[in-house]
C-alpha atoms as a PDB file:
ATOM      1  CA  MET A   1     -55.899 283.469 263.054  1.00  0.00           C
ATOM      2  CA  ARG A   2     -52.808 281.344 263.661  1.00  0.00           C
ATOM      3  CA  HIS A   3     -50.705 283.487 261.318  1.00  0.00           C
ATOM      4  CA  ARG A   4     -52.045 286.645 262.949  1.00  0.00           C
ATOM      5  CA  PHE A   5     -51.125 285.329 266.413  1.00  0.00           C
ATOM      6  CA  THR A   6     -47.635 284.407 265.203  1.00  0.00           C
ATOM      7  CA  TYR A   7     -47.200 287.865 263.710  1.00  0.00           C
ATOM      8  CA  ILE A   8     -48.333 289.600 266.917  1.00  0.00           C
ATOM      9  CA  LEU A   9     -46.079 287.378 269.036  1.00  0.00           C
ATOM     10  CA  GLY A  10     -43.119 288.001 266.750  1.00  0.00           C
ATOM     11  CA  SER A  11     -43.737 291.753 266.811  1.00  0.00           C
ATOM     12  CA  ARG A  12     -43.866 291.710 270.595  1.00  0.00           C
ATOM     13  CA  VAL A  13     -40.575 289.786 270.782  1.00  0.00           C
ATOM     14  CA  MET A  14     -38.864 292.233 268.420  1.00  0.00           C
ATOM     15  CA  THR A  15     -40.277 295.161 270.407  1.00  0.00           C
ATOM     16  CA  ASP A  16     -38.829 293.667 273.586  1.00  0.00           C
ATOM     17  CA  ILE A  17     -35.464 293.258 271.858  1.00  0.00           C
ATOM     18  CA  ASP A  18     -35.555 296.877 270.685  1.00  0.00           C
ATOM     19  CA  THR A  19     -36.380 298.029 274.204  1.00  0.00           C
ATOM     20  CA  ASP A  20     -33.578 295.941 275.680  1.00  0.00           C
ATOM     21  CA  ARG A  21     -31.124 297.242 273.120  1.00  0.00           C
ATOM     22  CA  SER A  22     -32.128 300.840 273.762  1.00  0.00           C
ATOM     23  CA  LYS A  23     -31.870 300.450 277.541  1.00  0.00           C
ATOM     24  CA  PHE A  24     -28.452 298.776 277.302  1.00  0.00           C
ATOM     25  CA  TRP A  25     -26.997 301.316 274.878  1.00  0.00           C
ATOM     26  CA  ARG A  26     -28.185 304.232 277.034  1.00  0.00           C
ATOM     27  CA  SER A  27     -27.044 302.815 280.361  1.00  0.00           C
ATOM     28  CA  THR A  28     -23.746 300.929 280.222  1.00  0.00           C
ATOM     29  CA  ARG A  29     -22.214 300.939 276.764  1.00  0.00           C
ATOM     30  CA  PRO A  30     -21.265 304.664 276.716  1.00  0.00           C
ATOM     31  CA  TYR A  31     -19.134 304.201 279.838  1.00  0.00           C
ATOM     32  CA  TRP A  32     -17.293 300.993 278.996  1.00  0.00           C
ATOM     33  CA  LEU A  33     -13.916 302.702 278.558  1.00  0.00           C
ATOM     34  CA  GLN A  34     -14.078 304.421 281.960  1.00  0.00           C
ATOM     35  CA  MET A  35     -15.076 301.127 283.576  1.00  0.00           C
ATOM     36  CA  LEU A  36     -12.242 299.295 281.851  1.00  0.00           C
ATOM     37  CA  GLY A  37      -9.713 301.915 282.936  1.00  0.00           C
ATOM     38  CA  GLU A  38     -10.875 301.768 286.543  1.00  0.00           C
ATOM     39  CA  GLY A  39     -10.757 297.975 286.513  1.00  0.00           C
ATOM     40  CA  ILE A  40      -7.200 297.923 285.185  1.00  0.00           C
ATOM     41  CA  VAL A  41      -6.041 300.417 287.823  1.00  0.00           C
ATOM     42  CA  LEU A  42      -7.689 298.418 290.612  1.00  0.00           C
ATOM     43  CA  VAL A  43      -6.055 295.168 289.480  1.00  0.00           C
ATOM     44  CA  ILE A  44      -2.626 296.826 289.314  1.00  0.00           C
ATOM     45  CA  LEU A  45      -3.084 298.321 292.785  1.00  0.00           C
ATOM     46  CA  GLY A  46      -4.300 294.962 294.067  1.00  0.00           C
ATOM     47  CA  TRP A  47      -1.238 293.088 292.853  1.00  0.00           C
ATOM     48  CA  LEU A  48       0.954 295.822 294.273  1.00  0.00           C
ATOM     49  CA  ALA A  49      -0.748 295.349 297.647  1.00  0.00           C
ATOM     50  CA  LEU A  50      -0.178 291.585 297.478  1.00  0.00           C
ATOM     51  CA  PHE A  51       3.548 292.065 296.872  1.00  0.00           C
ATOM     52  CA  LEU A  52       4.058 294.853 299.423  1.00  0.00           C
ATOM     53  CA  PRO A  53       5.302 292.526 302.211  1.00  0.00           C
ATOM     54  CA  TYR A  54       8.173 291.465 299.931  1.00  0.00           C
ATOM     55  CA  ILE A  55       9.284 294.923 298.776  1.00  0.00           C
ATOM     56  CA  VAL A  56       8.766 297.365 301.676  1.00  0.00           C
ATOM     57  CA  PRO A  57       9.406 297.331 305.432  1.00  0.00           C
ATOM     58  CA  VAL A  58       6.502 295.963 307.479  1.00  0.00           C
ATOM     59  CA  THR A  59       6.334 299.236 309.448  1.00  0.00           C
ATOM     60  CA  THR A  60       5.345 301.170 306.314  1.00  0.00           C
ATOM     61  CA  ILE A  61       2.711 298.786 304.946  1.00  0.00           C
ATOM     62  CA  ASN A  62      -0.265 300.502 306.624  1.00  0.00           C
ATOM     63  CA  THR A  63       0.750 303.862 305.185  1.00  0.00           C
ATOM     64  CA  ILE A  64       1.231 302.488 301.671  1.00  0.00           C
ATOM     65  CA  ILE A  65      -2.052 300.569 301.871  1.00  0.00           C
ATOM     66  CA  GLY A  66      -3.652 303.868 302.821  1.00  0.00           C
ATOM     67  CA  TRP A  67      -2.236 305.450 299.678  1.00  0.00           C
ATOM     68  CA  LEU A  68      -3.499 302.564 297.565  1.00  0.00           C
ATOM     69  CA  PHE A  69      -6.982 303.053 298.994  1.00  0.00           C
ATOM     70  CA  VAL A  70      -6.861 306.783 298.316  1.00  0.00           C
ATOM     71  CA  VAL A  71      -5.664 306.304 294.737  1.00  0.00           C
ATOM     72  CA  SER A  72      -8.319 303.669 294.035  1.00  0.00           C
ATOM     73  CA  GLY A  73     -10.966 305.918 295.569  1.00  0.00           C
ATOM     74  CA  LEU A  74      -9.905 308.920 293.488  1.00  0.00           C
ATOM     75  CA  VAL A  75      -9.908 306.847 290.300  1.00  0.00           C
ATOM     76  CA  GLY A  76     -13.333 305.512 291.208  1.00  0.00           C
ATOM     77  CA  LEU A  77     -14.574 309.014 291.962  1.00  0.00           C
ATOM     78  CA  VAL A  78     -13.455 310.335 288.574  1.00  0.00           C
ATOM     79  CA  THR A  79     -15.011 307.353 286.803  1.00  0.00           C
ATOM     80  CA  THR A  80     -18.235 307.683 288.780  1.00  0.00           C
ATOM     81  CA  ILE A  81     -18.638 311.385 288.063  1.00  0.00           C
ATOM     82  CA  SER A  82     -17.871 310.934 284.355  1.00  0.00           C
ATOM     83  CA  GLY A  83     -20.491 308.177 284.180  1.00  0.00           C
ATOM     84  CA  ARG A  84     -22.984 309.754 286.576  1.00  0.00           C
ATOM     85  CA  HIS A  85     -25.914 308.959 284.266  1.00  0.00           C
ATOM     86  CA  GLY A  86     -25.096 305.254 284.280  1.00  0.00           C
ATOM     87  CA  PRO A  87     -26.566 302.618 286.600  1.00  0.00           C
ATOM     88  CA  GLY A  88     -25.274 302.227 290.143  1.00  0.00           C
ATOM     89  CA  PHE A  89     -24.115 305.842 290.463  1.00  0.00           C
ATOM     90  CA  ARG A  90     -24.870 306.310 294.162  1.00  0.00           C
ATOM     91  CA  TRP A  91     -23.325 302.963 295.122  1.00  0.00           C
ATOM     92  CA  SER A  92     -20.215 303.655 293.078  1.00  0.00           C
ATOM     93  CA  LEU A  93     -19.969 307.101 294.680  1.00  0.00           C
ATOM     94  CA  LEU A  94     -20.295 305.573 298.149  1.00  0.00           C
ATOM     95  CA  SER A  95     -17.553 303.054 297.356  1.00  0.00           C
ATOM     96  CA  ALA A  96     -15.162 305.754 296.094  1.00  0.00           C
ATOM     97  CA  VAL A  97     -15.721 308.077 299.057  1.00  0.00           C
ATOM     98  CA  LEU A  98     -15.394 305.147 301.467  1.00  0.00           C
ATOM     99  CA  ALA A  99     -12.044 304.099 299.968  1.00  0.00           C
ATOM    100  CA  ILE A 100     -10.698 307.655 300.239  1.00  0.00           C
ATOM    101  CA  ALA A 101     -11.867 307.981 303.856  1.00  0.00           C
ATOM    102  CA  VAL A 102     -10.453 304.617 304.932  1.00  0.00           C
ATOM    103  CA  GLY A 103      -7.196 305.242 303.090  1.00  0.00           C
ATOM    104  CA  SER A 104      -6.779 308.645 304.725  1.00  0.00           C
ATOM    105  CA  THR A 105      -7.409 307.084 308.124  1.00  0.00           C
ATOM    106  CA  LEU A 106      -4.808 304.365 307.537  1.00  0.00           C
ATOM    107  CA  MET A 107      -2.268 307.014 306.553  1.00  0.00           C
ATOM    108  CA  GLU A 108      -2.927 308.739 309.872  1.00  0.00           C
ATOM    109  CA  TRP A 109      -2.458 305.432 311.748  1.00  0.00           C
ATOM    110  CA  PRO A 110       0.914 304.172 310.487  1.00  0.00           C
ATOM    111  CA  SER A 111       1.736 302.527 313.814  1.00  0.00           C
ATOM    112  CA  ALA A 112      -1.731 301.610 315.026  1.00  0.00           C
ATOM    113  CA  THR A 113      -2.184 298.283 316.781  1.00  0.00           C
ATOM    114  CA  SER A 114      -3.932 295.443 315.041  1.00  0.00           C
ATOM    115  CA  ILE A 115      -7.342 295.815 316.674  1.00  0.00           C
ATOM    116  CA  PRO A 116      -8.153 299.385 315.452  1.00  0.00           C
ATOM    117  CA  ILE A 117      -6.972 298.437 311.956  1.00  0.00           C
ATOM    118  CA  ALA A 118      -9.078 295.286 312.067  1.00  0.00           C
ATOM    119  CA  TYR A 119     -12.193 297.233 313.040  1.00  0.00           C
ATOM    120  CA  LEU A 120     -11.536 299.733 310.257  1.00  0.00           C
ATOM    121  CA  LEU A 121     -11.101 296.989 307.663  1.00  0.00           C
ATOM    122  CA  THR A 122     -14.185 295.144 308.877  1.00  0.00           C
ATOM    123  CA  PHE A 123     -16.209 298.325 308.434  1.00  0.00           C
ATOM    124  CA  PHE A 124     -14.739 298.897 304.973  1.00  0.00           C
ATOM    125  CA  PHE A 125     -15.230 295.364 303.651  1.00  0.00           C
ATOM    126  CA  LEU A 126     -18.763 295.177 305.024  1.00  0.00           C
ATOM    127  CA  ILE A 127     -19.940 298.462 303.491  1.00  0.00           C
ATOM    128  CA  GLU A 128     -17.971 297.872 300.292  1.00  0.00           C
ATOM    129  CA  GLY A 129     -19.484 294.402 299.910  1.00  0.00           C
ATOM    130  CA  ILE A 130     -23.037 295.674 300.295  1.00  0.00           C
ATOM    131  CA  ALA A 131     -22.411 298.629 297.961  1.00  0.00           C
ATOM    132  CA  THR A 132     -20.869 296.360 295.315  1.00  0.00           C
ATOM    133  CA  ILE A 133     -23.806 293.952 295.371  1.00  0.00           C
ATOM    134  CA  MET A 134     -26.309 296.813 295.121  1.00  0.00           C
ATOM    135  CA  TYR A 135     -24.249 298.292 292.276  1.00  0.00           C
ATOM    136  CA  ALA A 136     -24.451 294.950 290.484  1.00  0.00           C
ATOM    137  CA  LEU A 137     -28.216 294.738 290.947  1.00  0.00           C
ATOM    138  CA  ASP A 138     -28.642 298.244 289.514  1.00  0.00           C
ATOM    139  CA  HIS A 139     -26.681 297.095 286.463  1.00  0.00           C
ATOM    140  CA  ARG A 140     -28.825 293.970 286.223  1.00  0.00           C
ATOM    141  CA  ARG A 141     -31.937 296.127 286.010  1.00  0.00           C
ATOM    142  CA  GLN A 142     -30.325 298.066 283.157  1.00  0.00           C
ATOM    143  CA  LEU A 143     -29.379 294.845 281.343  1.00  0.00           C
ATOM    144  CA  SER A 144     -25.630 295.196 281.826  1.00  0.00           C
ATOM    145  CA  GLY A 145     -23.774 291.978 281.171  1.00  0.00           C
ATOM    146  CA  ARG A 146     -21.449 290.194 283.573  1.00  0.00           C
ATOM    147  CA  TRP A 147     -23.120 291.870 286.553  1.00  0.00           C
ATOM    148  CA  GLU A 148     -22.805 288.509 288.316  1.00  0.00           C
ATOM    149  CA  TRP A 149     -19.069 289.184 288.561  1.00  0.00           C
ATOM    150  CA  MET A 150     -19.786 292.242 290.688  1.00  0.00           C
ATOM    151  CA  VAL A 151     -22.085 290.194 292.928  1.00  0.00           C
ATOM    152  CA  ALA A 152     -19.250 287.690 293.372  1.00  0.00           C
ATOM    153  CA  SER A 153     -16.853 290.543 294.181  1.00  0.00           C
ATOM    154  CA  GLY A 154     -19.272 291.852 296.807  1.00  0.00           C
ATOM    155  CA  CYS A 155     -19.540 288.403 298.340  1.00  0.00           C
ATOM    156  CA  VAL A 156     -15.736 288.227 298.469  1.00  0.00           C
ATOM    157  CA  ASP A 157     -15.698 291.522 300.382  1.00  0.00           C
ATOM    158  CA  LEU A 158     -18.236 290.218 302.891  1.00  0.00           C
ATOM    159  CA  THR A 159     -16.129 287.079 303.298  1.00  0.00           C
ATOM    160  CA  LEU A 160     -13.052 289.220 303.926  1.00  0.00           C
ATOM    161  CA  ALA A 161     -14.973 291.125 306.606  1.00  0.00           C
ATOM    162  CA  ALA A 162     -15.806 287.817 308.301  1.00  0.00           C
ATOM    163  CA  LEU A 163     -12.161 286.711 308.112  1.00  0.00           C
ATOM    164  CA  VAL A 164     -10.996 289.950 309.723  1.00  0.00           C
ATOM    165  CA  ILE A 165     -13.535 289.541 312.523  1.00  0.00           C
ATOM    166  CA  LEU A 166     -12.373 285.985 313.135  1.00  0.00           C
ATOM    167  CA  GLY A 167      -8.754 287.144 313.250  1.00  0.00           C
ATOM    168  CA  LEU A 168      -9.194 290.358 315.234  1.00  0.00           C
ATOM    169  CA  PRO A 169      -6.465 289.758 317.835  1.00  0.00           C
ATOM    170  CA  THR A 170      -3.823 288.691 315.308  1.00  0.00           C
ATOM    171  CA  THR A 171      -4.475 290.903 312.268  1.00  0.00           C
ATOM    172  CA  ALA A 172      -0.998 292.023 311.138  1.00  0.00           C
ATOM    173  CA  PRO A 173       0.225 294.367 308.369  1.00  0.00           C
ATOM    174  CA  LEU A 174       1.028 291.335 306.205  1.00  0.00           C
ATOM    175  CA  ALA A 175      -2.535 290.069 306.515  1.00  0.00           C
ATOM    176  CA  VAL A 176      -3.886 293.562 305.835  1.00  0.00           C
ATOM    177  CA  SER A 177      -1.846 293.724 302.647  1.00  0.00           C
ATOM    178  CA  ILE A 178      -3.174 290.369 301.429  1.00  0.00           C
ATOM    179  CA  LEU A 179      -6.815 291.149 302.276  1.00  0.00           C
ATOM    180  CA  VAL A 180      -6.708 294.540 300.565  1.00  0.00           C
ATOM    181  CA  GLY A 181      -4.954 293.020 297.551  1.00  0.00           C
ATOM    182  CA  VAL A 182      -7.661 290.391 297.167  1.00  0.00           C
ATOM    183  CA  ASN A 183     -10.347 293.067 297.452  1.00  0.00           C
ATOM    184  CA  LEU A 184      -8.801 295.224 294.733  1.00  0.00           C
ATOM    185  CA  VAL A 185      -7.989 292.379 292.334  1.00  0.00           C
ATOM    186  CA  PHE A 186     -11.489 290.873 292.524  1.00  0.00           C
ATOM    187  CA  GLY A 187     -13.194 294.260 292.252  1.00  0.00           C
ATOM    188  CA  GLY A 188     -11.035 295.331 289.314  1.00  0.00           C
ATOM    189  CA  SER A 189     -11.484 292.034 287.477  1.00  0.00           C
ATOM    190  CA  ALA A 190     -15.273 292.267 287.829  1.00  0.00           C
ATOM    191  CA  MET A 191     -15.224 295.840 286.519  1.00  0.00           C
ATOM    192  CA  MET A 192     -13.111 294.812 283.538  1.00  0.00           C
ATOM    193  CA  ALA A 193     -15.465 291.918 282.722  1.00  0.00           C
ATOM    194  CA  MET A 194     -18.474 294.242 282.687  1.00  0.00           C
ATOM    195  CA  ALA A 195     -16.621 296.811 280.582  1.00  0.00           C
ATOM    196  CA  ILE A 196     -15.536 294.267 277.969  1.00  0.00           C
ATOM    197  CA  TYR A 197     -19.087 292.930 277.711  1.00  0.00           C
ATOM    198  CA  ALA A 198     -20.475 296.459 277.356  1.00  0.00           C
ATOM    199  CA  HIS A 199     -18.074 297.093 274.475  1.00  0.00           C
ATOM    200  CA  THR A 200     -18.500 293.812 272.606  1.00  0.00           C
ATOM    201  CA  ALA A 201     -22.152 292.838 273.224  1.00  0.00           C
ATOM    202  CA  ARG A 202     -24.407 292.550 270.216  1.00  0.00           C
ATOM    203  CA  PHE A 203     -28.188 292.240 270.139  1.00  0.00           C
ATOM    204  CA  PRO A 204     -30.145 290.297 267.503  1.00  0.00           C
ATOM    205  CA  LYS A 205     -30.987 292.345 264.439  1.00  0.00           C
ATOM    206  CA  SER A 206     -34.552 293.597 264.330  1.00  0.00           C
END
């Protein structure tokens, strides 16, 4: 009886491992390269945003930030559509469309005062933070690794929204550049971490 119980328990464990492996390989692994590419682009755009105050006139920062948002949104849109059968599709789609919309708005407001820009960024960081956390939880359900990084990135976005609210009257182009840079660098780094895990993860042999 003891040996029979051990055999049944062992079979159940191996069945669970097989199920986990199957779910992981169907959900995240096929899209690791797209995720890695998007993460790299986001990190590059983020560092560019951080250095903008030192390389361009302050009066053009809002416009360039708008372009960075649009580019990141388009890259995210392409990645999302190519991996539409992966986890977190609707949240990734929302994030991409949101970035394009906010970027287009910033390009139309090159000389807007700080308060409209602050409201726009608060809206973006708030929605982006929620979407990123939900995206991470979808990946958790599909056994993607390093999903905690995406949760952390979402929390960073929510923190940025709070910082913008606290600094509404004094939000300047320099601050906008820094906040957007932090958003892109954290989001891209989290995406790269998930992609690398998806490519290198190994399950126990059955």
